[in-house]
């Protein structure tokens, strides 16, 4: 049994949420190692030595070509076989914001109907960068065990609109229960802009693969791990922890039980 799961927080040029993501996992009892992708491709570090892979937010490579696309290609063509082995061994992956874009554009998510890219994340309908707090309705997967139905997290992105490849992909996402987070109002009802900050199809804010072990989401759980990070805590009361911490805790506890 693993007492302290090992987490690799992958970074490269333009990553800017790696420290916060590492801190979130460390608060949950994990051993965290921030690693540049070049350290993996040069074999100075090995993905197999870890149980959780986190791809944090940021603007990798300046989001040239498209958000997350260059890092997605690096992962796909330089680490493809290692990553497939990582997933097949029952380990966990989480991609946050730019990390979600990377997982989708590398074809790792949604992970249905064989290999290949089945969805995308595109420019916000508002045509601008959206930096705000949103309500999310959570569904069940490995990462969301025990999480209350509606949580509150911040978003900060310019290309967060989730678009399924076609109606069949959307149907499979629903059938397989892979839609994990959706933008809603404070009572958990479907909402439009600004509650849905980017115009995502059916308010989709996060999805998992069919196993429930690979999660991608646009909102930033690592930015709400402390009660004092809530924008209205002085008016509404201080909570012991932020809504995002439970996501990281679930990942750590899962590895403790399974490895």
Protein backbone atom coordinates (compact mmCIF):
# COMPACT_ATOMS: atom_id res chain seq x y z
CA UNK A 1 0.00 0.00 0.00
CA UNK A 2 1.37 3.41 -1.01
CA UNK A 3 1.49 5.76 1.99
CA UNK A 4 2.42 8.87 0.02
CA UNK A 5 1.52 8.74 -3.69
CA UNK A 6 4.05 10.29 -6.03
CA UNK A 7 2.70 13.06 -8.24
CA UNK A 8 4.46 14.45 -11.29
CA UNK A 9 3.41 18.02 -12.11
CA UNK A 10 4.39 18.48 -15.74
CA UNK A 11 5.60 21.88 -16.84
CA UNK A 12 7.16 23.60 -19.82
CA UNK A 13 7.53 27.11 -21.21
CA UNK A 14 4.38 29.09 -20.37
CA UNK A 15 3.09 26.86 -17.57
CA UNK A 16 2.08 29.10 -14.68
CA UNK A 17 -0.09 27.10 -12.29
CA UNK A 18 2.39 24.35 -11.41
CA UNK A 19 3.23 25.71 -7.94
CA UNK A 20 -0.42 25.95 -6.88
CA UNK A 21 -1.18 22.48 -8.27
CA UNK A 22 1.81 21.00 -6.45
CA UNK A 23 0.72 22.66 -3.21
CA UNK A 24 -2.80 21.23 -3.53
CA UNK A 25 -1.48 17.68 -3.83
CA UNK A 26 1.06 18.22 -1.04
CA UNK A 27 -1.74 19.38 1.28
CA UNK A 28 -3.37 16.00 0.67
CA UNK A 29 -0.28 14.03 1.65
CA UNK A 30 1.32 13.38 -1.74
CA UNK A 31 4.98 13.60 -2.66
CA UNK A 32 5.12 16.09 -5.51
CA UNK A 33 7.81 16.50 -8.15
CA UNK A 34 7.59 19.41 -10.62
CA UNK A 35 9.16 18.07 -13.84
CA UNK A 36 9.92 19.79 -17.15
CA UNK A 37 8.84 17.74 -20.15
CA UNK A 38 12.43 17.75 -21.43
CA UNK A 39 13.45 15.80 -18.32
CA UNK A 40 11.08 13.03 -19.40
CA UNK A 41 12.01 13.01 -23.07
CA UNK A 42 15.74 13.00 -22.17
CA UNK A 43 15.19 10.15 -19.69
CA UNK A 44 16.41 12.13 -16.69
CA UNK A 45 13.00 11.42 -15.12
CA UNK A 46 10.65 8.52 -15.76
CA UNK A 47 6.87 8.66 -15.86
CA UNK A 48 6.67 5.10 -14.53
CA UNK A 49 8.04 6.28 -11.17
CA UNK A 50 4.82 8.18 -10.43
CA UNK A 51 1.20 7.26 -9.77
CA UNK A 52 -0.46 10.57 -10.67
CA UNK A 53 0.26 12.87 -13.61
CA UNK A 54 -0.96 16.47 -13.34
CA UNK A 55 -0.85 18.85 -16.29
CA UNK A 56 -1.53 22.30 -14.82
CA UNK A 57 -2.83 25.52 -16.27
CA UNK A 58 -1.00 28.24 -18.10
CA UNK A 59 -0.29 29.26 -21.68
CA UNK A 60 2.21 26.64 -22.82
CA UNK A 61 4.38 27.91 -25.67
CA UNK A 62 2.27 31.06 -25.74
CA UNK A 63 -0.69 29.02 -27.03
CA UNK A 64 0.85 29.29 -30.51
CA UNK A 65 -1.13 27.45 -33.22
CA UNK A 66 -3.90 26.75 -30.68
CA UNK A 67 -4.13 26.51 -26.91
CA UNK A 68 -2.18 23.52 -25.62
CA UNK A 69 -1.51 22.16 -29.11
CA UNK A 70 2.30 22.16 -29.05
CA UNK A 71 2.52 20.45 -25.65
CA UNK A 72 -0.16 18.01 -26.79
CA UNK A 73 2.01 17.06 -29.77
CA UNK A 74 5.08 16.71 -27.56
CA UNK A 75 3.22 14.36 -25.23
CA UNK A 76 1.69 12.40 -28.07
CA UNK A 77 4.84 11.87 -30.11
CA UNK A 78 7.55 11.90 -27.44
CA UNK A 79 5.78 10.19 -24.54
CA UNK A 80 2.94 8.33 -26.28
CA UNK A 81 3.86 4.76 -25.36
CA UNK A 82 4.85 5.64 -21.80
CA UNK A 83 1.58 7.45 -21.32
CA UNK A 84 -0.47 4.53 -22.66
CA UNK A 85 1.34 2.24 -20.21
CA UNK A 86 0.75 4.74 -17.40
CA UNK A 87 -2.99 4.72 -18.04
CA UNK A 88 -3.21 0.95 -18.56
CA UNK A 89 -1.64 0.37 -15.13
CA UNK A 90 -4.59 2.10 -13.48
CA UNK A 91 -2.82 5.33 -12.62
CA UNK A 92 -4.42 8.79 -12.58
CA UNK A 93 -4.20 11.87 -14.77
CA UNK A 94 -5.67 15.33 -14.24
CA UNK A 95 -5.45 18.19 -16.73
CA UNK A 96 -6.52 21.64 -15.57
CA UNK A 97 -7.38 24.48 -17.99
CA UNK A 98 -4.42 24.40 -20.39
CA UNK A 99 -3.86 20.84 -19.18
CA UNK A 100 -7.41 19.94 -20.24
CA UNK A 101 -6.75 21.46 -23.65
CA UNK A 102 -3.58 19.36 -23.89
CA UNK A 103 -5.38 16.11 -23.02
CA UNK A 104 -8.10 16.76 -25.58
CA UNK A 105 -5.76 17.83 -28.37
CA UNK A 106 -3.45 14.89 -27.72
CA UNK A 107 -6.44 12.57 -28.20
CA UNK A 108 -6.26 11.27 -24.61
CA UNK A 109 -9.69 12.67 -23.82
CA UNK A 110 -12.46 11.79 -24.25
CA UNK A 111 -10.83 8.42 -24.94
CA UNK A 112 -13.74 6.85 -26.78
CA UNK A 113 -14.11 5.07 -30.13
CA UNK A 114 -10.45 4.23 -30.48
CA UNK A 115 -7.54 6.57 -31.05
CA UNK A 116 -7.82 10.06 -32.44
CA UNK A 117 -9.10 13.49 -31.50
CA UNK A 118 -12.85 13.35 -30.92
CA UNK A 119 -13.48 16.83 -29.50
CA UNK A 120 -11.84 20.22 -29.10
CA UNK A 121 -11.70 23.36 -26.98
CA UNK A 122 -12.09 26.58 -28.92
CA UNK A 123 -12.39 30.34 -28.47
CA UNK A 124 -14.92 31.64 -25.96
CA UNK A 125 -18.17 32.86 -27.51
CA UNK A 126 -17.60 36.21 -25.81
CA UNK A 127 -14.49 36.70 -27.94
CA UNK A 128 -12.43 37.62 -24.89
CA UNK A 129 -10.49 36.19 -21.99
CA UNK A 130 -12.87 35.19 -19.19
CA UNK A 131 -11.64 35.54 -15.60
CA UNK A 132 -14.48 34.91 -13.16
CA UNK A 133 -15.91 32.49 -10.58
CA UNK A 134 -18.50 29.95 -11.70
CA UNK A 135 -20.82 27.34 -10.22
CA UNK A 136 -20.35 23.75 -11.34
CA UNK A 137 -22.57 20.69 -11.10
CA UNK A 138 -20.44 17.64 -10.36
CA UNK A 139 -21.04 14.05 -11.44
CA UNK A 140 -19.29 10.93 -10.21
CA UNK A 141 -15.83 9.69 -11.16
CA UNK A 142 -12.67 8.73 -9.29
CA UNK A 143 -11.76 12.39 -8.79
CA UNK A 144 -15.16 13.59 -7.55
CA UNK A 145 -16.08 10.97 -4.95
CA UNK A 146 -18.14 12.54 -2.19
CA UNK A 147 -18.09 16.03 -3.68
CA UNK A 148 -21.23 18.05 -3.11
CA UNK A 149 -23.44 18.49 -6.13
CA UNK A 150 -22.66 22.18 -6.76
CA UNK A 151 -19.21 23.68 -6.19
CA UNK A 152 -17.65 27.09 -6.79
CA UNK A 153 -14.38 27.52 -8.69
CA UNK A 154 -12.65 30.22 -10.75
CA UNK A 155 -12.01 30.10 -14.50
CA UNK A 156 -9.35 32.00 -16.44
CA UNK A 157 -9.18 31.18 -20.14
CA UNK A 158 -9.66 32.47 -23.66
CA UNK A 159 -10.24 29.12 -25.38
CA UNK A 160 -12.46 27.10 -23.08
CA UNK A 161 -15.46 26.29 -25.24
CA UNK A 162 -15.84 22.50 -25.25
CA UNK A 163 -17.07 21.18 -28.59
CA UNK A 164 -17.76 17.45 -29.08
CA UNK A 165 -16.60 16.12 -32.45
CA UNK A 166 -20.17 15.32 -33.48
CA UNK A 167 -23.54 14.24 -32.09
CA UNK A 168 -22.32 10.67 -31.72
CA UNK A 169 -19.45 11.74 -29.49
CA UNK A 170 -21.79 13.80 -27.32
CA UNK A 171 -24.17 10.86 -27.08
CA UNK A 172 -21.34 8.55 -25.98
CA UNK A 173 -20.14 11.06 -23.41
CA UNK A 174 -23.61 11.04 -21.89
CA UNK A 175 -24.09 7.27 -22.15
CA UNK A 176 -20.69 6.56 -20.57
CA UNK A 177 -21.30 9.20 -17.86
CA UNK A 178 -18.12 11.00 -18.87
CA UNK A 179 -19.48 14.53 -18.41
CA UNK A 180 -18.14 15.30 -14.94
CA UNK A 181 -18.58 19.07 -14.58
CA UNK A 182 -21.16 21.41 -16.12
CA UNK A 183 -21.61 25.15 -15.71
CA UNK A 184 -24.77 25.91 -13.72
CA UNK A 185 -26.27 28.64 -11.57
CA UNK A 186 -25.98 28.59 -7.77
CA UNK A 187 -29.00 26.28 -7.52
CA UNK A 188 -27.58 23.76 -9.98
CA UNK A 189 -29.70 24.74 -12.97
CA UNK A 190 -28.39 25.06 -16.56
CA UNK A 191 -27.19 28.57 -17.27
CA UNK A 192 -26.05 30.87 -20.04
CA UNK A 193 -23.27 33.49 -20.17
CA UNK A 194 -21.69 34.61 -17.88
CA UNK A 195 -22.45 31.51 -15.78
CA UNK A 196 -21.30 29.50 -18.77
CA UNK A 197 -18.25 31.66 -19.48
CA UNK A 198 -17.33 30.25 -22.87
CA UNK A 199 -20.44 28.84 -24.54
CA UNK A 200 -19.49 25.18 -24.08
CA UNK A 201 -21.96 22.71 -25.59
CA UNK A 202 -24.46 21.76 -22.87
CA UNK A 203 -22.37 23.70 -20.38
CA UNK A 204 -19.62 21.08 -20.31
CA UNK A 205 -16.77 22.23 -18.08
CA UNK A 206 -14.97 18.93 -17.56
CA UNK A 207 -14.95 15.33 -18.77
CA UNK A 208 -13.24 12.06 -17.92
CA UNK A 209 -12.24 9.02 -19.93
CA UNK A 210 -14.42 5.86 -19.77
CA UNK A 211 -12.45 4.58 -16.75
CA UNK A 212 -13.09 7.72 -14.70
CA UNK A 213 -9.37 7.95 -13.92
CA UNK A 214 -8.35 10.59 -16.49
CA UNK A 215 -10.01 13.94 -15.78
CA UNK A 216 -9.84 17.23 -17.64
CA UNK A 217 -11.57 20.45 -16.57
CA UNK A 218 -11.36 24.12 -17.48
CA UNK A 219 -12.00 25.62 -13.99
CA UNK A 220 -9.12 25.83 -11.53
CA UNK A 221 -9.61 23.69 -8.39
CA UNK A 222 -6.05 24.52 -7.25
CA UNK A 223 -7.13 28.15 -6.87
CA UNK A 224 -9.78 27.27 -4.31
CA UNK A 225 -8.15 24.95 -1.81
CA UNK A 226 -8.31 27.34 1.14
CA UNK A 227 -11.43 28.87 2.63
CA UNK A 228 -9.88 32.34 2.39
CA UNK A 229 -9.63 31.99 -1.41
CA UNK A 230 -13.41 32.26 -1.74
CA UNK A 231 -14.14 35.80 -2.96
CA UNK A 232 -16.95 36.32 -0.41
CA UNK A 233 -15.63 34.49 2.64
CA UNK A 234 -15.75 37.59 4.84
CA UNK A 235 -19.48 37.97 4.11
CA UNK A 236 -20.59 34.36 3.90
CA UNK A 237 -18.33 32.80 6.52
CA UNK A 238 -14.99 31.04 6.43
CA UNK A 239 -15.04 27.39 5.36
CA UNK A 240 -12.37 25.00 6.59
CA UNK A 241 -11.24 24.21 3.04
CA UNK A 242 -12.00 25.41 -0.47
CA UNK A 243 -14.23 23.45 -2.84
CA UNK A 244 -11.32 22.38 -5.04
CA UNK A 245 -9.28 20.56 -2.40
CA UNK A 246 -11.51 17.48 -2.37
CA UNK A 247 -10.62 16.75 -6.00
CA UNK A 248 -6.93 16.41 -5.15
CA UNK A 249 -7.69 14.50 -1.97
CA UNK A 250 -9.75 11.97 -3.94
CA UNK A 251 -6.85 11.35 -6.33
CA UNK A 252 -4.40 10.81 -3.49
CA UNK A 253 -6.73 8.52 -1.53
CA UNK A 254 -7.51 6.44 -4.61
CA UNK A 255 -3.83 5.70 -5.19
CA UNK A 256 -3.33 4.87 -1.51
CA UNK A 257 -6.06 2.24 -1.75
CA UNK A 258 -5.15 0.78 -5.14
CA UNK A 259 -1.33 0.65 -5.02
